[in-house]
Amino acid sequence: MAKIKPQALLQQSKKKKGPSQISASTIVLYGVVVILLVFFGLASYRHWIQRSRVIQKTREGLPIRKKLGAYDGSKKSEVPRYAIFNTSKGMITVELYKDGAPDVVNEFIDACHNGQFKGMQFHHVIKNFVIHGGDSKINGVTEDWTSKGRHYNQLDTSVKHDAFMMGTSKGKHGKEGFELVITTAPIPDLNEKLNVFGRVIRGEDVVQEIEEVDTDEHYRPKSSIGIIDVKLELKV
């Protein structure tokens, strides 16, 4: 049997070890590449998921709206469409006629932001006619109506002026002079007396409850009835 020389054995040993060294370095290299690909893949996935959510929210109109306290009157789309009155008798929701009476609606919104309606009292209540709130020291739109309130209790209902309309006295109002009138029956000369800028769409029963309170001979409520606060909303 032929003997193998030591040099030959050494060379054979190197040949056997060679492939295992190359294989290990290759595995390490491929491992690094795979880790990088996974990392960039996850980063891209998260980016597109976040972008898709932003697009979806934008389409659905879900971005947070500006607070109404920071209302910018220059943007018509952000003009509040509804006013919710919290009264001592309950809630009354009014749809604002921003297209039909834009100037009055803007003035009303400014008055809301200035807190003019907080604590406002309904100082005249005429059954089957109107409830009237504002500064009782001001000669309001109901001053001449109160003298003939009983006459208006028998209105011609065929006249096309609906009940539950909200208006204010004509002309510019002072700092504390924005008056509110809600009709409880059709009024023939409504447009002569008021700038109508809204209509009650919820809380008609609350208006009627206010209408039923006891009053003195001058149609002043015997008990205090007023507005606690007003909230403006884009939708209800």
Protein backbone atom coordinates (compact mmCIF):
# COMPACT_ATOMS: atom_id res chain seq x y z
CA MET A 1 0.00 0.00 0.00
CA ALA A 2 1.42 3.34 -1.10
CA LYS A 3 2.08 5.96 1.57
CA ILE A 4 0.76 9.51 1.12
CA LYS A 5 3.28 12.22 1.71
CA PRO A 6 2.60 14.88 4.38
CA GLN A 7 2.55 17.71 1.79
CA ALA A 8 -0.12 15.91 -0.18
CA LEU A 9 -2.23 15.48 2.97
CA LEU A 10 -1.89 19.20 3.77
CA GLN A 11 -3.01 20.19 0.28
CA GLN A 12 -5.98 17.83 0.44
CA SER A 13 -6.92 19.30 3.84
CA LYS A 14 -6.83 22.88 2.42
CA LYS A 15 -8.98 21.83 -0.53
CA LYS A 16 -11.59 20.40 1.80
CA LYS A 17 -11.67 23.51 4.03
CA GLY A 18 -11.78 25.99 1.13
CA PRO A 19 -15.42 25.55 0.12
CA SER A 20 -16.70 25.82 3.73
CA GLN A 21 -14.96 29.21 4.21
CA ILE A 22 -16.51 30.63 0.99
CA SER A 23 -19.95 29.32 1.89
CA ALA A 24 -19.94 31.03 5.31
CA SER A 25 -18.98 34.45 3.90
CA THR A 26 -21.63 34.11 1.23
CA ILE A 27 -24.30 33.31 3.81
CA VAL A 28 -23.30 36.36 5.85
CA LEU A 29 -23.44 38.58 2.75
CA TYR A 30 -26.86 37.25 1.71
CA GLY A 31 -28.10 37.69 5.27
CA VAL A 32 -27.12 41.37 5.29
CA VAL A 33 -28.83 41.90 1.92
CA VAL A 34 -32.01 40.21 3.12
CA ILE A 35 -32.10 42.31 6.30
CA LEU A 36 -31.68 45.52 4.28
CA LEU A 37 -34.43 44.50 1.85
CA VAL A 38 -36.80 43.70 4.72
CA PHE A 39 -36.00 47.02 6.43
CA PHE A 40 -36.61 49.11 3.30
CA GLY A 41 -39.70 47.06 2.48
CA LEU A 42 -41.25 47.74 5.88
CA ALA A 43 -40.36 51.45 5.67
CA SER A 44 -42.01 51.73 2.25
CA TYR A 45 -45.08 49.81 3.45
CA ARG A 46 -45.56 52.12 6.43
CA HIS A 47 -45.14 55.18 4.22
CA TRP A 48 -47.81 54.08 1.75
CA ILE A 49 -50.19 53.00 4.51
CA GLN A 50 -49.96 56.45 6.13
CA ARG A 51 -50.38 58.18 2.79
CA SER A 52 -53.46 56.07 1.99
CA ARG A 53 -55.03 57.00 5.32
CA VAL A 54 -54.44 60.71 4.70
CA ILE A 55 -56.01 60.47 1.24
CA GLN A 56 -59.00 58.57 2.61
CA LYS A 57 -59.57 61.09 5.40
CA THR A 58 -59.36 63.96 2.93
CA ARG A 59 -61.94 62.35 0.64
CA GLU A 60 -64.31 61.65 3.51
CA GLY A 61 -63.94 65.17 4.91
CA LEU A 62 -62.56 63.90 8.21
CA PRO A 63 -59.75 66.39 8.83
CA ILE A 64 -60.38 68.34 12.00
CA ARG A 65 -62.47 71.41 11.34
CA LYS A 66 -61.48 74.81 12.59
CA LYS A 67 -63.11 75.62 15.88
CA LEU A 68 -66.05 77.91 15.38
CA GLY A 69 -64.46 80.32 17.81
CA ALA A 70 -61.77 80.83 15.19
CA TYR A 71 -64.32 81.22 12.39
CA ASP A 72 -63.04 83.07 9.35
CA GLY A 73 -65.93 84.88 7.72
CA SER A 74 -64.03 85.11 4.43
CA LYS A 75 -64.53 81.38 3.77
CA LYS A 76 -68.13 80.84 2.81
CA SER A 77 -67.89 77.06 3.14
CA GLU A 78 -67.10 77.40 6.85
CA VAL A 79 -69.99 79.71 7.74
CA PRO A 80 -72.03 77.89 10.44
CA ARG A 81 -75.38 76.70 9.17
CA TYR A 82 -77.07 76.08 12.50
CA ALA A 83 -77.47 77.78 15.86
CA ILE A 84 -78.39 75.71 18.91
CA PHE A 85 -79.95 77.75 21.71
CA ASN A 86 -79.76 76.32 25.20
CA THR A 87 -82.66 77.99 26.99
CA SER A 88 -84.06 77.64 30.48
CA LYS A 89 -86.88 75.57 28.93
CA GLY A 90 -84.80 73.36 26.66
CA MET A 91 -82.89 73.26 23.37
CA ILE A 92 -83.93 75.11 20.19
CA THR A 93 -82.12 74.47 16.90
CA VAL A 94 -82.31 77.14 14.19
CA GLU A 95 -81.23 76.75 10.57
CA LEU A 96 -79.52 79.97 9.46
CA TYR A 97 -80.40 81.48 6.08
CA LYS A 98 -76.80 82.29 5.15
CA ASP A 99 -77.68 82.60 1.46
CA GLY A 100 -80.91 84.58 1.85
CA ALA A 101 -79.71 86.96 4.57
CA PRO A 102 -75.87 86.80 4.61
CA ASP A 103 -75.29 90.18 6.27
CA VAL A 104 -77.69 89.50 9.13
CA VAL A 105 -76.31 85.97 9.60
CA ASN A 106 -72.76 87.33 9.79
CA GLU A 107 -73.86 89.92 12.33
CA PHE A 108 -75.62 87.21 14.35
CA ILE A 109 -72.49 85.01 14.29
CA ASP A 110 -70.34 87.92 15.48
CA ALA A 111 -72.81 88.53 18.29
CA CYS A 112 -72.55 84.86 19.28
CA HIS A 113 -68.75 85.04 19.40
CA ASN A 114 -69.01 88.17 21.54
CA GLY A 115 -71.26 86.36 24.01
CA GLN A 116 -74.20 88.72 23.53
CA PHE A 117 -76.80 85.99 23.91
CA LYS A 118 -75.51 84.47 27.15
CA GLY A 119 -78.10 85.26 29.77
CA MET A 120 -80.38 87.08 27.30
CA GLN A 121 -83.96 87.20 28.59
CA PHE A 122 -87.20 86.78 26.67
CA HIS A 123 -88.82 90.00 27.86
CA HIS A 124 -91.99 89.83 25.79
CA VAL A 125 -94.10 86.73 25.17
CA ILE A 126 -97.29 87.17 23.14
CA LYS A 127 -99.26 83.98 22.74
CA ASN A 128 -100.01 82.97 19.14
CA PHE A 129 -97.69 85.71 17.97
CA VAL A 130 -94.01 85.99 19.02
CA ILE A 131 -91.47 85.52 21.77
CA HIS A 132 -88.98 88.37 21.91
CA GLY A 133 -85.56 88.46 23.53
CA GLY A 134 -82.93 91.15 23.88
CA ASP A 135 -82.20 94.26 25.85
CA SER A 136 -85.55 95.26 27.39
CA LYS A 137 -84.37 98.89 27.56
CA ILE A 138 -84.25 99.08 23.77
CA ASN A 139 -87.40 99.98 21.88
CA GLY A 140 -87.70 96.67 20.11
CA VAL A 141 -89.75 95.43 17.22
CA THR A 142 -92.61 94.28 19.45
CA GLU A 143 -93.21 97.59 21.18
CA ASP A 144 -96.08 98.58 18.89
CA TRP A 145 -97.17 94.97 18.54
CA THR A 146 -97.78 94.55 22.25
CA SER A 147 -100.42 97.27 22.19
CA LYS A 148 -102.42 95.21 19.73
CA GLY A 149 -101.29 91.73 20.68
CA ARG A 150 -104.82 90.48 21.17
CA HIS A 151 -105.63 91.52 17.64
CA TYR A 152 -102.75 89.44 16.33
CA ASN A 153 -103.95 86.44 18.29
CA GLN A 154 -106.61 86.11 15.58
CA LEU A 155 -104.36 86.18 12.53
CA ASP A 156 -105.44 85.15 9.06
CA THR A 157 -103.68 81.79 8.79
CA SER A 158 -103.96 81.84 5.01
CA VAL A 159 -101.15 84.40 4.87
CA LYS A 160 -97.97 82.61 3.77
CA HIS A 161 -95.71 83.54 6.66
CA ASP A 162 -94.89 80.45 8.67
CA ALA A 163 -94.55 80.18 12.40
CA PHE A 164 -91.20 79.39 14.04
CA MET A 165 -89.26 81.91 11.97
CA MET A 166 -86.37 83.74 13.62
CA GLY A 167 -85.61 87.37 12.89
CA THR A 168 -84.21 90.56 14.31
CA SER A 169 -85.08 94.23 14.11
CA LYS A 170 -84.05 96.03 10.96
CA GLY A 171 -81.01 98.28 10.84
CA LYS A 172 -77.63 98.05 12.53
CA HIS A 173 -77.47 96.82 16.10
CA GLY A 174 -75.34 98.22 18.86
CA LYS A 175 -73.01 96.23 21.08
CA GLU A 176 -75.85 94.88 23.21
CA GLY A 177 -78.69 95.58 20.81
CA PHE A 178 -79.11 92.41 18.73
CA GLU A 179 -82.70 91.36 19.32
CA LEU A 180 -84.16 87.93 18.68
CA VAL A 181 -87.74 87.30 17.69
CA ILE A 182 -89.26 83.86 17.13
CA THR A 183 -92.73 83.79 15.62
CA THR A 184 -95.29 81.35 16.96
CA ALA A 185 -97.92 82.04 14.31
CA PRO A 186 -98.07 83.47 10.77
CA ILE A 187 -97.56 87.25 10.77
CA PRO A 188 -98.89 89.30 7.84
CA ASP A 189 -96.39 92.18 8.12
CA LEU A 190 -93.44 90.01 9.17
CA ASN A 191 -91.05 91.32 6.51
CA GLU A 192 -91.96 94.91 7.36
CA LYS A 193 -90.96 94.43 10.98
CA LEU A 194 -88.08 91.96 10.85
CA ASN A 195 -85.04 90.78 8.98
CA VAL A 196 -85.76 87.05 8.94
CA PHE A 197 -82.52 85.07 9.01
CA GLY A 198 -83.47 81.61 10.23
CA ARG A 199 -86.09 79.00 11.02
CA VAL A 200 -86.60 76.69 13.99
CA ILE A 201 -86.12 73.09 12.83
CA ARG A 202 -85.95 71.41 16.24
CA GLY A 203 -87.38 72.42 19.58
CA GLU A 204 -90.72 73.79 18.39
CA ASP A 205 -92.20 72.29 21.55
CA VAL A 206 -89.76 74.36 23.61
CA VAL A 207 -90.87 77.52 21.78
CA GLN A 208 -94.49 76.62 22.51
CA GLU A 209 -93.67 75.98 26.18
CA ILE A 210 -92.13 79.46 26.43
CA GLU A 211 -95.20 80.83 24.68
CA GLU A 212 -97.46 79.37 27.39
CA VAL A 213 -95.81 81.09 30.36
CA ASP A 214 -97.80 83.49 32.48
CA THR A 215 -97.33 87.16 31.58
CA ASP A 216 -98.53 90.48 32.93
CA GLU A 217 -100.77 92.89 31.05
CA HIS A 218 -97.74 94.14 29.11
CA TYR A 219 -96.84 90.62 27.94
CA ARG A 220 -93.81 90.44 30.19
CA PRO A 221 -93.18 86.96 31.64
CA LYS A 222 -93.82 86.73 35.37
CA SER A 223 -90.92 84.30 35.75
CA SER A 224 -87.44 84.61 34.26
CA ILE A 225 -87.00 82.84 30.92
CA GLY A 226 -83.82 83.23 28.93
CA ILE A 227 -80.99 81.90 26.86
CA ILE A 228 -78.14 80.15 28.68
CA ASP A 229 -75.80 79.99 25.71
CA VAL A 230 -75.66 79.47 21.94
CA LYS A 231 -73.54 76.99 19.95
CA LEU A 232 -72.84 77.35 16.23
CA GLU A 233 -72.52 74.22 14.10
CA LEU A 234 -71.82 73.34 10.48
CA LYS A 235 -74.14 70.34 10.67
CA VAL A 236 -76.63 68.81 13.13
